[in-house]
Each structure stands twice: as structure tokens, then as C-alpha cells.
N, C-alpha and C. Protein backbone atom coordinates (compact mmCIF):
# COMPACT_ATOMS: atom_id res chain seq x y z
N MET A 1 8.96 -11.08 -11.20
CA MET A 1 8.06 -10.00 -10.87
C MET A 1 8.56 -8.75 -11.60
N LYS A 2 7.65 -7.93 -12.08
CA LYS A 2 8.00 -6.72 -12.82
C LYS A 2 8.63 -5.70 -11.89
N PRO A 3 9.51 -4.80 -12.43
CA PRO A 3 10.21 -3.84 -11.59
C PRO A 3 9.28 -2.97 -10.74
N LEU A 4 8.19 -2.50 -11.30
CA LEU A 4 7.29 -1.63 -10.55
C LEU A 4 6.62 -2.38 -9.41
N ALA A 5 6.19 -3.60 -9.66
CA ALA A 5 5.58 -4.40 -8.60
C ALA A 5 6.60 -4.66 -7.50
N MET A 6 7.87 -4.87 -7.87
CA MET A 6 8.92 -5.08 -6.88
C MET A 6 9.09 -3.85 -6.00
N LEU A 7 8.98 -2.65 -6.60
CA LEU A 7 9.09 -1.42 -5.82
C LEU A 7 7.98 -1.33 -4.80
N LEU A 8 6.76 -1.65 -5.23
CA LEU A 8 5.62 -1.58 -4.30
C LEU A 8 5.78 -2.59 -3.18
N VAL A 9 6.20 -3.80 -3.52
CA VAL A 9 6.41 -4.81 -2.49
C VAL A 9 7.50 -4.35 -1.52
N ALA A 10 8.58 -3.76 -2.05
CA ALA A 10 9.66 -3.26 -1.21
C ALA A 10 9.17 -2.16 -0.27
N LEU A 11 8.34 -1.26 -0.79
CA LEU A 11 7.81 -0.18 0.03
C LEU A 11 7.04 -0.73 1.22
N PHE A 12 6.14 -1.67 0.97
CA PHE A 12 5.34 -2.20 2.06
C PHE A 12 6.14 -3.12 2.98
N ALA A 13 7.17 -3.76 2.42
CA ALA A 13 8.05 -4.56 3.28
C ALA A 13 8.78 -3.65 4.25
N MET A 14 9.21 -2.47 3.76
CA MET A 14 9.89 -1.51 4.64
C MET A 14 8.96 -1.05 5.74
N LEU A 15 7.72 -0.79 5.41
CA LEU A 15 6.78 -0.29 6.41
C LEU A 15 6.32 -1.38 7.36
N GLY A 16 5.99 -2.55 6.83
CA GLY A 16 5.38 -3.57 7.66
C GLY A 16 6.27 -4.72 8.03
N GLY A 17 7.47 -4.76 7.48
CA GLY A 17 8.38 -5.81 7.85
C GLY A 17 8.07 -7.15 7.20
N GLY A 18 7.15 -7.21 6.25
CA GLY A 18 6.82 -8.48 5.63
C GLY A 18 6.50 -8.30 4.17
N CYS A 19 6.02 -9.37 3.57
CA CYS A 19 5.68 -9.30 2.15
C CYS A 19 4.34 -8.59 1.97
N ALA A 20 4.24 -7.84 0.92
CA ALA A 20 3.00 -7.14 0.63
C ALA A 20 2.14 -8.00 -0.30
N THR A 21 0.88 -7.65 -0.39
CA THR A 21 -0.04 -8.38 -1.22
C THR A 21 -0.66 -7.41 -2.23
N PRO A 22 -0.21 -7.45 -3.49
CA PRO A 22 -0.73 -6.53 -4.50
C PRO A 22 -2.13 -6.93 -4.96
N SER A 23 -2.83 -5.95 -5.51
CA SER A 23 -4.18 -6.17 -6.03
C SER A 23 -4.29 -5.57 -7.43
N VAL A 24 -5.04 -6.25 -8.27
CA VAL A 24 -5.29 -5.74 -9.61
C VAL A 24 -6.24 -4.53 -9.56
N HIS A 25 -7.18 -4.57 -8.64
CA HIS A 25 -8.18 -3.50 -8.53
C HIS A 25 -7.87 -2.60 -7.34
N PRO A 26 -8.28 -1.33 -7.42
CA PRO A 26 -8.04 -0.41 -6.30
C PRO A 26 -8.97 -0.69 -5.13
N LEU A 27 -8.57 -0.21 -3.97
CA LEU A 27 -9.42 -0.27 -2.78
C LEU A 27 -10.37 0.92 -2.75
N TYR A 28 -9.97 2.01 -3.36
CA TYR A 28 -10.77 3.23 -3.31
C TYR A 28 -11.87 3.21 -4.37
N SER A 29 -12.93 3.91 -4.07
CA SER A 29 -13.99 4.21 -5.02
C SER A 29 -14.37 5.67 -4.77
N ASP A 30 -14.92 6.33 -5.75
CA ASP A 30 -15.21 7.76 -5.62
C ASP A 30 -16.08 8.08 -4.41
N ASP A 31 -16.98 7.18 -4.05
CA ASP A 31 -17.89 7.45 -2.93
C ASP A 31 -17.24 7.27 -1.56
N ALA A 32 -16.04 6.69 -1.51
CA ALA A 32 -15.40 6.43 -0.22
C ALA A 32 -14.12 7.24 -0.01
N ILE A 33 -13.73 8.06 -0.99
CA ILE A 33 -12.49 8.82 -0.87
C ILE A 33 -12.59 9.87 0.23
N VAL A 34 -11.53 10.00 1.01
CA VAL A 34 -11.45 10.99 2.09
C VAL A 34 -10.10 11.71 1.97
N TYR A 35 -9.97 12.78 2.75
CA TYR A 35 -8.73 13.54 2.78
C TYR A 35 -8.28 13.67 4.22
N GLU A 36 -6.98 13.69 4.43
CA GLU A 36 -6.42 13.81 5.76
C GLU A 36 -5.26 14.80 5.73
N PRO A 37 -5.55 16.09 6.03
CA PRO A 37 -4.50 17.11 5.99
C PRO A 37 -3.30 16.79 6.89
N ALA A 38 -3.52 16.11 8.01
CA ALA A 38 -2.42 15.80 8.93
C ALA A 38 -1.43 14.81 8.35
N LEU A 39 -1.78 14.14 7.28
CA LEU A 39 -0.89 13.16 6.65
C LEU A 39 0.24 13.84 5.88
N VAL A 40 0.02 15.06 5.44
CA VAL A 40 1.01 15.79 4.66
C VAL A 40 2.24 16.08 5.52
N GLY A 41 3.41 15.77 4.99
CA GLY A 41 4.67 15.99 5.70
C GLY A 41 5.66 14.90 5.37
N THR A 42 6.75 14.90 6.10
CA THR A 42 7.78 13.88 5.92
C THR A 42 7.83 13.02 7.17
N TRP A 43 7.84 11.71 6.95
CA TRP A 43 7.76 10.73 8.02
C TRP A 43 8.96 9.79 7.94
N GLY A 44 9.33 9.21 9.06
CA GLY A 44 10.42 8.25 9.06
C GLY A 44 10.53 7.54 10.39
N GLN A 45 11.49 6.62 10.44
CA GLN A 45 11.81 5.87 11.65
C GLN A 45 13.28 6.05 11.93
N GLU A 46 13.64 5.98 13.19
CA GLU A 46 15.03 6.17 13.58
C GLU A 46 15.95 5.15 12.91
N HIS A 47 15.53 3.90 12.83
CA HIS A 47 16.39 2.84 12.32
C HIS A 47 15.98 2.40 10.92
N ASN A 48 15.47 3.31 10.11
CA ASN A 48 15.05 3.00 8.75
C ASN A 48 15.83 3.91 7.81
N ASP A 49 16.26 3.37 6.69
CA ASP A 49 17.08 4.13 5.74
C ASP A 49 16.26 5.04 4.83
N GLN A 50 14.93 5.02 4.94
CA GLN A 50 14.10 5.81 4.05
C GLN A 50 13.30 6.88 4.79
N THR A 51 12.96 7.93 4.05
CA THR A 51 11.97 8.90 4.52
C THR A 51 10.80 8.84 3.56
N TYR A 52 9.62 9.18 4.05
CA TYR A 52 8.38 9.11 3.29
C TYR A 52 7.76 10.51 3.30
N SER A 53 7.82 11.20 2.18
CA SER A 53 7.27 12.56 2.08
C SER A 53 5.94 12.50 1.36
N ILE A 54 4.92 13.09 2.00
CA ILE A 54 3.57 13.05 1.46
C ILE A 54 3.10 14.47 1.19
N THR A 55 2.63 14.70 -0.04
CA THR A 55 2.03 15.97 -0.44
C THR A 55 0.67 15.67 -1.06
N ARG A 56 -0.15 16.70 -1.16
CA ARG A 56 -1.45 16.53 -1.80
C ARG A 56 -1.52 17.43 -3.01
N VAL A 57 -1.94 16.85 -4.13
CA VAL A 57 -2.14 17.59 -5.37
C VAL A 57 -3.54 17.26 -5.86
N GLY A 58 -4.49 18.19 -5.65
CA GLY A 58 -5.87 17.93 -6.05
C GLY A 58 -6.47 16.82 -5.21
N LYS A 59 -7.00 15.80 -5.89
CA LYS A 59 -7.65 14.67 -5.21
C LYS A 59 -6.69 13.55 -4.85
N VAL A 60 -5.42 13.71 -5.24
CA VAL A 60 -4.45 12.63 -5.08
C VAL A 60 -3.31 13.09 -4.17
N TYR A 61 -2.86 12.20 -3.32
CA TYR A 61 -1.66 12.42 -2.54
C TYR A 61 -0.49 11.82 -3.31
N HIS A 62 0.68 12.41 -3.13
CA HIS A 62 1.89 11.87 -3.72
C HIS A 62 2.82 11.45 -2.59
N LEU A 63 3.38 10.26 -2.71
CA LEU A 63 4.31 9.72 -1.74
C LEU A 63 5.66 9.61 -2.41
N LEU A 64 6.65 10.25 -1.84
CA LEU A 64 8.02 10.18 -2.35
C LEU A 64 8.86 9.48 -1.29
N VAL A 65 9.37 8.31 -1.64
CA VAL A 65 10.23 7.54 -0.74
C VAL A 65 11.66 7.82 -1.15
N ARG A 66 12.44 8.32 -0.20
CA ARG A 66 13.84 8.67 -0.47
C ARG A 66 14.76 7.91 0.46
N ASP A 67 15.92 7.57 -0.08
CA ASP A 67 16.96 6.96 0.72
C ASP A 67 17.66 8.06 1.50
N ARG A 68 17.88 7.86 2.79
CA ARG A 68 18.55 8.88 3.61
C ARG A 68 20.01 9.06 3.21
N ASP A 69 20.61 8.03 2.65
CA ASP A 69 22.01 8.09 2.23
C ASP A 69 22.09 8.87 0.93
N ALA A 70 22.62 10.09 1.00
CA ALA A 70 22.67 10.97 -0.17
C ALA A 70 23.50 10.38 -1.30
N GLN A 71 24.43 9.49 -1.00
CA GLN A 71 25.25 8.88 -2.04
C GLN A 71 24.46 7.90 -2.89
N LYS A 72 23.45 7.28 -2.32
CA LYS A 72 22.63 6.33 -3.08
C LYS A 72 21.65 7.06 -4.00
N GLN A 73 21.12 8.17 -3.55
CA GLN A 73 20.19 9.00 -4.30
C GLN A 73 19.05 8.20 -4.93
N LYS A 74 18.54 7.22 -4.23
CA LYS A 74 17.42 6.45 -4.74
C LYS A 74 16.13 7.08 -4.23
N GLN A 75 15.14 7.13 -5.11
CA GLN A 75 13.83 7.60 -4.70
C GLN A 75 12.76 6.97 -5.59
N TRP A 76 11.57 6.82 -5.01
CA TRP A 76 10.45 6.23 -5.71
C TRP A 76 9.23 7.09 -5.44
N GLU A 77 8.41 7.30 -6.45
CA GLU A 77 7.22 8.14 -6.29
C GLU A 77 5.97 7.31 -6.53
N PHE A 78 4.95 7.55 -5.71
CA PHE A 78 3.70 6.81 -5.78
C PHE A 78 2.52 7.77 -5.68
N GLU A 79 1.38 7.34 -6.21
CA GLU A 79 0.11 8.03 -6.02
C GLU A 79 -0.62 7.34 -4.88
N VAL A 80 -1.27 8.12 -4.04
CA VAL A 80 -1.99 7.57 -2.90
C VAL A 80 -3.39 8.18 -2.88
N ARG A 81 -4.37 7.32 -2.74
CA ARG A 81 -5.75 7.76 -2.54
C ARG A 81 -6.22 7.19 -1.21
N LEU A 82 -6.91 8.02 -0.45
CA LEU A 82 -7.36 7.63 0.88
C LEU A 82 -8.83 7.26 0.83
N VAL A 83 -9.18 6.28 1.63
CA VAL A 83 -10.56 5.80 1.65
C VAL A 83 -10.94 5.48 3.09
N ARG A 84 -12.19 5.76 3.44
CA ARG A 84 -12.72 5.39 4.75
C ARG A 84 -13.64 4.19 4.54
N LEU A 85 -13.35 3.14 5.31
CA LEU A 85 -14.18 1.93 5.29
C LEU A 85 -14.55 1.62 6.73
N GLY A 86 -15.79 1.84 7.08
CA GLY A 86 -16.20 1.67 8.46
C GLY A 86 -15.50 2.68 9.34
N ASP A 87 -14.90 2.20 10.43
CA ASP A 87 -14.21 3.09 11.38
C ASP A 87 -12.76 3.37 11.02
N HIS A 88 -12.28 2.79 9.92
CA HIS A 88 -10.85 2.88 9.61
C HIS A 88 -10.61 3.58 8.28
N ARG A 89 -9.42 4.18 8.21
CA ARG A 89 -8.99 4.81 6.96
C ARG A 89 -7.85 4.00 6.36
N PHE A 90 -7.84 3.94 5.04
CA PHE A 90 -6.84 3.18 4.31
C PHE A 90 -6.21 4.04 3.25
N ALA A 91 -4.97 3.70 2.92
CA ALA A 91 -4.26 4.31 1.80
C ALA A 91 -4.15 3.26 0.70
N ASP A 92 -4.51 3.65 -0.51
CA ASP A 92 -4.34 2.81 -1.70
C ASP A 92 -3.15 3.40 -2.45
N VAL A 93 -2.09 2.62 -2.57
CA VAL A 93 -0.84 3.10 -3.15
C VAL A 93 -0.61 2.44 -4.51
N ALA A 94 -0.28 3.26 -5.50
CA ALA A 94 0.03 2.75 -6.85
C ALA A 94 1.14 3.60 -7.44
N ALA A 95 1.75 3.11 -8.48
CA ALA A 95 2.78 3.88 -9.17
C ALA A 95 2.15 5.13 -9.76
N VAL A 96 2.94 6.20 -9.89
CA VAL A 96 2.43 7.42 -10.51
C VAL A 96 2.07 7.12 -11.97
N GLU A 97 1.09 7.85 -12.48
CA GLU A 97 0.56 7.59 -13.82
C GLU A 97 1.65 7.61 -14.89
N GLU A 98 2.56 8.56 -14.81
CA GLU A 98 3.62 8.67 -15.82
C GLU A 98 4.49 7.41 -15.84
N GLU A 99 4.78 6.88 -14.66
CA GLU A 99 5.61 5.67 -14.59
C GLU A 99 4.84 4.46 -15.10
N ARG A 100 3.55 4.39 -14.77
CA ARG A 100 2.73 3.29 -15.29
C ARG A 100 2.71 3.34 -16.81
N ASP A 101 2.50 4.55 -17.37
CA ASP A 101 2.47 4.70 -18.83
C ASP A 101 3.79 4.28 -19.46
N ALA A 102 4.91 4.66 -18.84
CA ALA A 102 6.23 4.31 -19.38
C ALA A 102 6.44 2.80 -19.37
N HIS A 103 6.03 2.15 -18.27
CA HIS A 103 6.16 0.69 -18.20
C HIS A 103 5.24 0.00 -19.19
N GLU A 104 4.01 0.50 -19.30
CA GLU A 104 3.08 -0.09 -20.25
C GLU A 104 3.59 0.06 -21.69
N GLU A 105 4.19 1.20 -21.99
CA GLU A 105 4.74 1.42 -23.32
C GLU A 105 5.89 0.45 -23.59
N HIS A 106 6.72 0.23 -22.59
CA HIS A 106 7.87 -0.66 -22.75
C HIS A 106 7.46 -2.14 -22.72
N TRP A 107 6.63 -2.51 -21.74
CA TRP A 107 6.28 -3.91 -21.53
C TRP A 107 5.00 -4.33 -22.23
N GLY A 108 4.17 -3.36 -22.63
CA GLY A 108 2.91 -3.69 -23.30
C GLY A 108 2.02 -4.53 -22.42
N PRO A 109 1.43 -5.58 -22.99
CA PRO A 109 0.49 -6.40 -22.21
C PRO A 109 1.15 -7.25 -21.13
N LEU A 110 2.50 -7.26 -21.06
CA LEU A 110 3.17 -8.02 -20.00
C LEU A 110 3.16 -7.26 -18.68
N PHE A 111 2.87 -5.97 -18.73
CA PHE A 111 2.89 -5.14 -17.53
C PHE A 111 1.48 -5.02 -16.97
N VAL A 112 1.33 -5.30 -15.70
CA VAL A 112 0.04 -5.16 -15.03
C VAL A 112 0.23 -4.25 -13.83
N PRO A 113 -0.31 -3.03 -13.88
CA PRO A 113 -0.19 -2.15 -12.71
C PRO A 113 -1.00 -2.71 -11.55
N THR A 114 -0.47 -2.54 -10.34
CA THR A 114 -1.15 -3.06 -9.16
C THR A 114 -1.32 -1.98 -8.11
N HIS A 115 -2.10 -2.31 -7.11
CA HIS A 115 -2.37 -1.44 -5.97
C HIS A 115 -1.95 -2.18 -4.71
N MET A 116 -1.50 -1.41 -3.73
CA MET A 116 -1.20 -1.94 -2.40
C MET A 116 -2.02 -1.12 -1.40
N PHE A 117 -2.32 -1.72 -0.26
CA PHE A 117 -3.16 -1.05 0.73
C PHE A 117 -2.50 -1.06 2.09
N ALA A 118 -2.85 -0.06 2.87
CA ALA A 118 -2.43 -0.01 4.27
C ALA A 118 -3.48 0.78 5.04
N ARG A 119 -3.80 0.31 6.22
CA ARG A 119 -4.65 1.08 7.12
C ARG A 119 -3.75 2.08 7.82
N PHE A 120 -4.26 3.26 8.12
CA PHE A 120 -3.41 4.27 8.77
C PHE A 120 -4.21 5.10 9.75
N ALA A 121 -3.47 5.73 10.65
CA ALA A 121 -4.04 6.69 11.59
C ALA A 121 -2.95 7.71 11.92
N VAL A 122 -3.34 8.97 12.00
CA VAL A 122 -2.41 10.04 12.36
C VAL A 122 -2.84 10.58 13.71
N SER A 123 -1.88 10.65 14.63
CA SER A 123 -2.12 11.23 15.94
C SER A 123 -0.94 12.13 16.26
N GLY A 124 -1.15 13.43 16.15
CA GLY A 124 -0.06 14.38 16.38
C GLY A 124 1.06 14.16 15.38
N ASP A 125 2.25 13.86 15.90
CA ASP A 125 3.41 13.64 15.06
C ASP A 125 3.72 12.16 14.86
N THR A 126 2.71 11.32 15.06
CA THR A 126 2.88 9.87 14.86
C THR A 126 1.92 9.38 13.78
N LEU A 127 2.47 8.68 12.80
CA LEU A 127 1.70 8.04 11.74
C LEU A 127 1.80 6.54 11.97
N THR A 128 0.68 5.92 12.27
CA THR A 128 0.65 4.47 12.47
C THR A 128 0.12 3.84 11.20
N VAL A 129 0.84 2.83 10.72
CA VAL A 129 0.49 2.15 9.48
C VAL A 129 0.34 0.67 9.77
N TRP A 130 -0.77 0.09 9.34
CA TRP A 130 -1.00 -1.34 9.46
C TRP A 130 -1.05 -1.93 8.06
N THR A 131 -0.17 -2.90 7.80
CA THR A 131 -0.17 -3.56 6.49
C THR A 131 -0.71 -4.98 6.66
N LEU A 132 -1.45 -5.42 5.67
CA LEU A 132 -2.03 -6.76 5.69
C LEU A 132 -0.90 -7.78 5.81
N ARG A 133 -1.01 -8.63 6.79
CA ARG A 133 0.01 -9.65 7.04
C ARG A 133 -0.13 -10.77 6.01
N HIS A 134 0.89 -10.90 5.18
CA HIS A 134 0.87 -11.87 4.09
C HIS A 134 0.61 -13.30 4.59
N GLU A 135 1.32 -13.71 5.62
CA GLU A 135 1.17 -15.08 6.12
C GLU A 135 -0.23 -15.33 6.67
N TRP A 136 -0.81 -14.33 7.32
CA TRP A 136 -2.17 -14.47 7.84
C TRP A 136 -3.13 -14.71 6.68
N LEU A 137 -3.02 -13.89 5.64
CA LEU A 137 -3.91 -14.05 4.49
C LEU A 137 -3.69 -15.39 3.81
N LYS A 138 -2.44 -15.75 3.59
CA LYS A 138 -2.11 -17.01 2.93
C LYS A 138 -2.72 -18.20 3.67
N GLU A 139 -2.54 -18.24 4.99
CA GLU A 139 -3.08 -19.35 5.79
C GLU A 139 -4.60 -19.38 5.74
N ARG A 140 -5.25 -18.22 5.86
CA ARG A 140 -6.73 -18.18 5.83
C ARG A 140 -7.28 -18.60 4.48
N LEU A 141 -6.59 -18.20 3.41
CA LEU A 141 -7.03 -18.60 2.06
C LEU A 141 -6.85 -20.11 1.87
N GLU A 142 -5.74 -20.65 2.32
CA GLU A 142 -5.49 -22.09 2.18
C GLU A 142 -6.50 -22.91 2.96
N ARG A 143 -6.89 -22.45 4.15
CA ARG A 143 -7.88 -23.15 4.98
C ARG A 143 -9.32 -22.81 4.60
N ARG A 144 -9.46 -21.91 3.64
CA ARG A 144 -10.77 -21.44 3.16
C ARG A 144 -11.58 -20.79 4.28
N GLU A 145 -10.86 -20.12 5.19
CA GLU A 145 -11.50 -19.39 6.27
C GLU A 145 -11.93 -18.00 5.81
N VAL A 146 -11.30 -17.49 4.77
CA VAL A 146 -11.70 -16.23 4.16
C VAL A 146 -11.87 -16.46 2.66
N THR A 147 -12.75 -15.66 2.09
CA THR A 147 -12.98 -15.74 0.65
C THR A 147 -12.53 -14.42 0.05
N LEU A 148 -11.58 -14.49 -0.85
CA LEU A 148 -11.08 -13.32 -1.54
C LEU A 148 -10.47 -13.81 -2.85
N ALA A 149 -11.02 -13.34 -3.96
CA ALA A 149 -10.51 -13.79 -5.26
C ALA A 149 -9.03 -13.43 -5.39
N HIS A 150 -8.23 -14.41 -5.83
CA HIS A 150 -6.78 -14.20 -5.92
C HIS A 150 -6.17 -15.25 -6.83
N THR A 151 -4.90 -15.06 -7.13
CA THR A 151 -4.09 -16.05 -7.81
C THR A 151 -2.69 -15.95 -7.23
N ARG A 152 -1.90 -16.97 -7.42
CA ARG A 152 -0.52 -16.95 -6.92
C ARG A 152 0.42 -16.66 -8.08
N LEU A 153 1.26 -15.64 -7.91
CA LEU A 153 2.27 -15.33 -8.91
C LEU A 153 3.53 -16.18 -8.69
N SER A 154 3.76 -16.52 -7.44
CA SER A 154 4.88 -17.37 -7.03
C SER A 154 4.53 -17.87 -5.64
N PRO A 155 5.32 -18.76 -5.07
CA PRO A 155 4.99 -19.23 -3.72
C PRO A 155 4.88 -18.10 -2.69
N GLY A 156 5.62 -17.00 -2.90
CA GLY A 156 5.61 -15.92 -1.92
C GLY A 156 4.73 -14.74 -2.27
N VAL A 157 4.09 -14.76 -3.45
CA VAL A 157 3.31 -13.59 -3.87
C VAL A 157 1.88 -14.01 -4.23
N ILE A 158 0.94 -13.43 -3.49
CA ILE A 158 -0.48 -13.60 -3.80
C ILE A 158 -0.94 -12.33 -4.50
N LEU A 159 -1.56 -12.47 -5.65
CA LEU A 159 -2.12 -11.33 -6.38
C LEU A 159 -3.63 -11.36 -6.16
N ILE A 160 -4.15 -10.33 -5.50
CA ILE A 160 -5.59 -10.25 -5.25
C ILE A 160 -6.28 -9.81 -6.54
N THR A 161 -7.31 -10.54 -6.91
CA THR A 161 -8.07 -10.23 -8.13
C THR A 161 -9.52 -9.84 -7.83
N ALA A 162 -9.84 -9.72 -6.55
CA ALA A 162 -11.20 -9.34 -6.14
C ALA A 162 -11.55 -7.95 -6.65
N THR A 163 -12.84 -7.70 -6.84
CA THR A 163 -13.30 -6.39 -7.28
C THR A 163 -13.12 -5.37 -6.15
N THR A 164 -13.23 -4.10 -6.49
CA THR A 164 -13.13 -3.04 -5.49
C THR A 164 -14.15 -3.24 -4.37
N ALA A 165 -15.39 -3.54 -4.73
CA ALA A 165 -16.43 -3.74 -3.71
C ALA A 165 -16.09 -4.92 -2.80
N GLU A 166 -15.57 -6.01 -3.36
CA GLU A 166 -15.19 -7.17 -2.55
C GLU A 166 -14.01 -6.83 -1.64
N LEU A 167 -13.04 -6.07 -2.16
CA LEU A 167 -11.91 -5.64 -1.34
C LEU A 167 -12.37 -4.77 -0.17
N GLN A 168 -13.27 -3.85 -0.46
CA GLN A 168 -13.76 -2.97 0.59
C GLN A 168 -14.47 -3.77 1.68
N GLU A 169 -15.27 -4.73 1.30
CA GLU A 169 -15.97 -5.56 2.29
C GLU A 169 -14.97 -6.39 3.10
N PHE A 170 -13.96 -6.94 2.43
CA PHE A 170 -12.94 -7.71 3.13
C PHE A 170 -12.22 -6.85 4.17
N MET A 171 -11.84 -5.64 3.78
CA MET A 171 -11.14 -4.75 4.71
C MET A 171 -12.04 -4.30 5.85
N ARG A 172 -13.31 -4.00 5.56
CA ARG A 172 -14.25 -3.64 6.64
C ARG A 172 -14.34 -4.78 7.65
N THR A 173 -14.41 -6.00 7.16
CA THR A 173 -14.57 -7.17 8.02
C THR A 173 -13.34 -7.46 8.85
N HIS A 174 -12.15 -7.31 8.27
CA HIS A 174 -10.93 -7.77 8.95
C HIS A 174 -10.02 -6.66 9.47
N SER A 175 -10.34 -5.40 9.22
CA SER A 175 -9.42 -4.31 9.58
C SER A 175 -9.18 -4.17 11.08
N GLY A 176 -10.09 -4.63 11.90
CA GLY A 176 -9.91 -4.55 13.35
C GLY A 176 -9.20 -5.75 13.94
N ASN A 177 -8.87 -6.74 13.13
CA ASN A 177 -8.22 -7.96 13.62
C ASN A 177 -6.72 -7.72 13.75
N PRO A 178 -6.19 -7.67 14.99
CA PRO A 178 -4.75 -7.39 15.16
C PRO A 178 -3.86 -8.50 14.60
N LEU A 179 -4.39 -9.70 14.43
CA LEU A 179 -3.60 -10.80 13.87
C LEU A 179 -3.43 -10.66 12.35
N ALA A 180 -4.31 -9.89 11.72
CA ALA A 180 -4.30 -9.77 10.26
C ALA A 180 -3.36 -8.69 9.76
N PHE A 181 -2.88 -7.83 10.64
CA PHE A 181 -2.08 -6.69 10.21
C PHE A 181 -0.80 -6.54 11.03
N ASP A 182 0.26 -6.11 10.36
CA ASP A 182 1.50 -5.71 11.02
C ASP A 182 1.43 -4.21 11.25
N LYS A 183 1.93 -3.77 12.37
CA LYS A 183 1.85 -2.36 12.76
C LYS A 183 3.23 -1.72 12.75
N THR A 184 3.31 -0.52 12.16
CA THR A 184 4.55 0.26 12.13
C THR A 184 4.22 1.68 12.52
N GLU A 185 5.10 2.30 13.31
CA GLU A 185 4.91 3.70 13.65
C GLU A 185 6.01 4.55 13.03
N LEU A 186 5.61 5.64 12.41
CA LEU A 186 6.54 6.60 11.83
C LEU A 186 6.38 7.91 12.58
N LYS A 187 7.45 8.67 12.65
CA LYS A 187 7.42 9.98 13.31
C LYS A 187 7.62 11.07 12.30
N ARG A 188 6.95 12.20 12.54
CA ARG A 188 7.11 13.35 11.65
C ARG A 188 8.56 13.83 11.76
N GLN A 189 9.17 14.09 10.65
CA GLN A 189 10.59 14.51 10.60
C GLN A 189 10.68 16.01 10.61
């Protein structure tokens, strides 16, 4: 797996406790983009080594994931676009454009930028994040209970290849299913 894809998978594993499912296409479209001022700030968990700082620059949010251990000094930056699908809001997370360009320059056609998704809700100083449960999706795809264009990169990684419209319909249909998502709560720092 490419370094950038590994970072995205690691980010969602930290939030949801499981494997993430990358997509070639974004979940957002211009007609569904929304903004959430309450999302801006720094979030974290008591027993997590990372903090998640969110700022807004124009139409895009920036997510900076930092290691709490100052000696490690690790940090990762992502672009986030928010979308409303039905009654739920989602974050579409991708590498920042500069990093994508640097990887594409280095790796050329071997590098494929991906998107990750999470449903979210902000209530006061609590940010609840629901990430698509990898095992749930894998089992439903194998049993042909759900239809979503995809390919397998390895036994543990499903790459979604569905179009944006297909992704949006899939999320509208399944976003309320508690079995399909892992839930994590973060607190404002």
C-alpha cells in the first residue's frame, strides 16, 4: 500500500478502531457540500495519543493530526469536505493537494489518491464520528447483499470504485444502520 493511503487508513483506524475503506472517488459533490462552524477546534480522547485540529480555509476544512508525545513530533495534514446526505453529515477526507502533487510527481501513475469517509455529529464539546465498518462491508459484498463497485487491493483492503453518485446513495441507504458503522466520541480540547 502506498504511504499516503497507509496514513489515511491509520487515521480512520485511530478513530474507528478498525480498517478503513478507501475510495477512488469523493463522497462530496458541489450540490451537497455543507459547513459546520462547531467542527472547528481541537479534538481528542483521553486514551488516544493523537489530537485532531480542524480549521476552515475557504470551502475546505483542514485536519491536522498530531502526536501528543512532543518527542515523536509526528503530524499529518488532510483536506476535509463536508456533505449532507439525507439526515446525516459526512466528512470526506483526503491528503492535502500539495502532498498529493508531491506523491504523484515521485510515484507517477503508480500513485492513486484516495478518499475516506466518516459520518459525524457535533453536540456541544462532543464530536461523534462513525466510520464504515470494514468487516460489515466485506461480508455484505461477499454475500451480495449490497451492491457497491469495488476491487480488493489485498485480503484486508477493499478499494471502492463506485462513482460519487453511487457512493452518496449507498451512504444515504446505510448511514442509519448501527451495525454498519463503528462509533467514536472525541472531546473538545
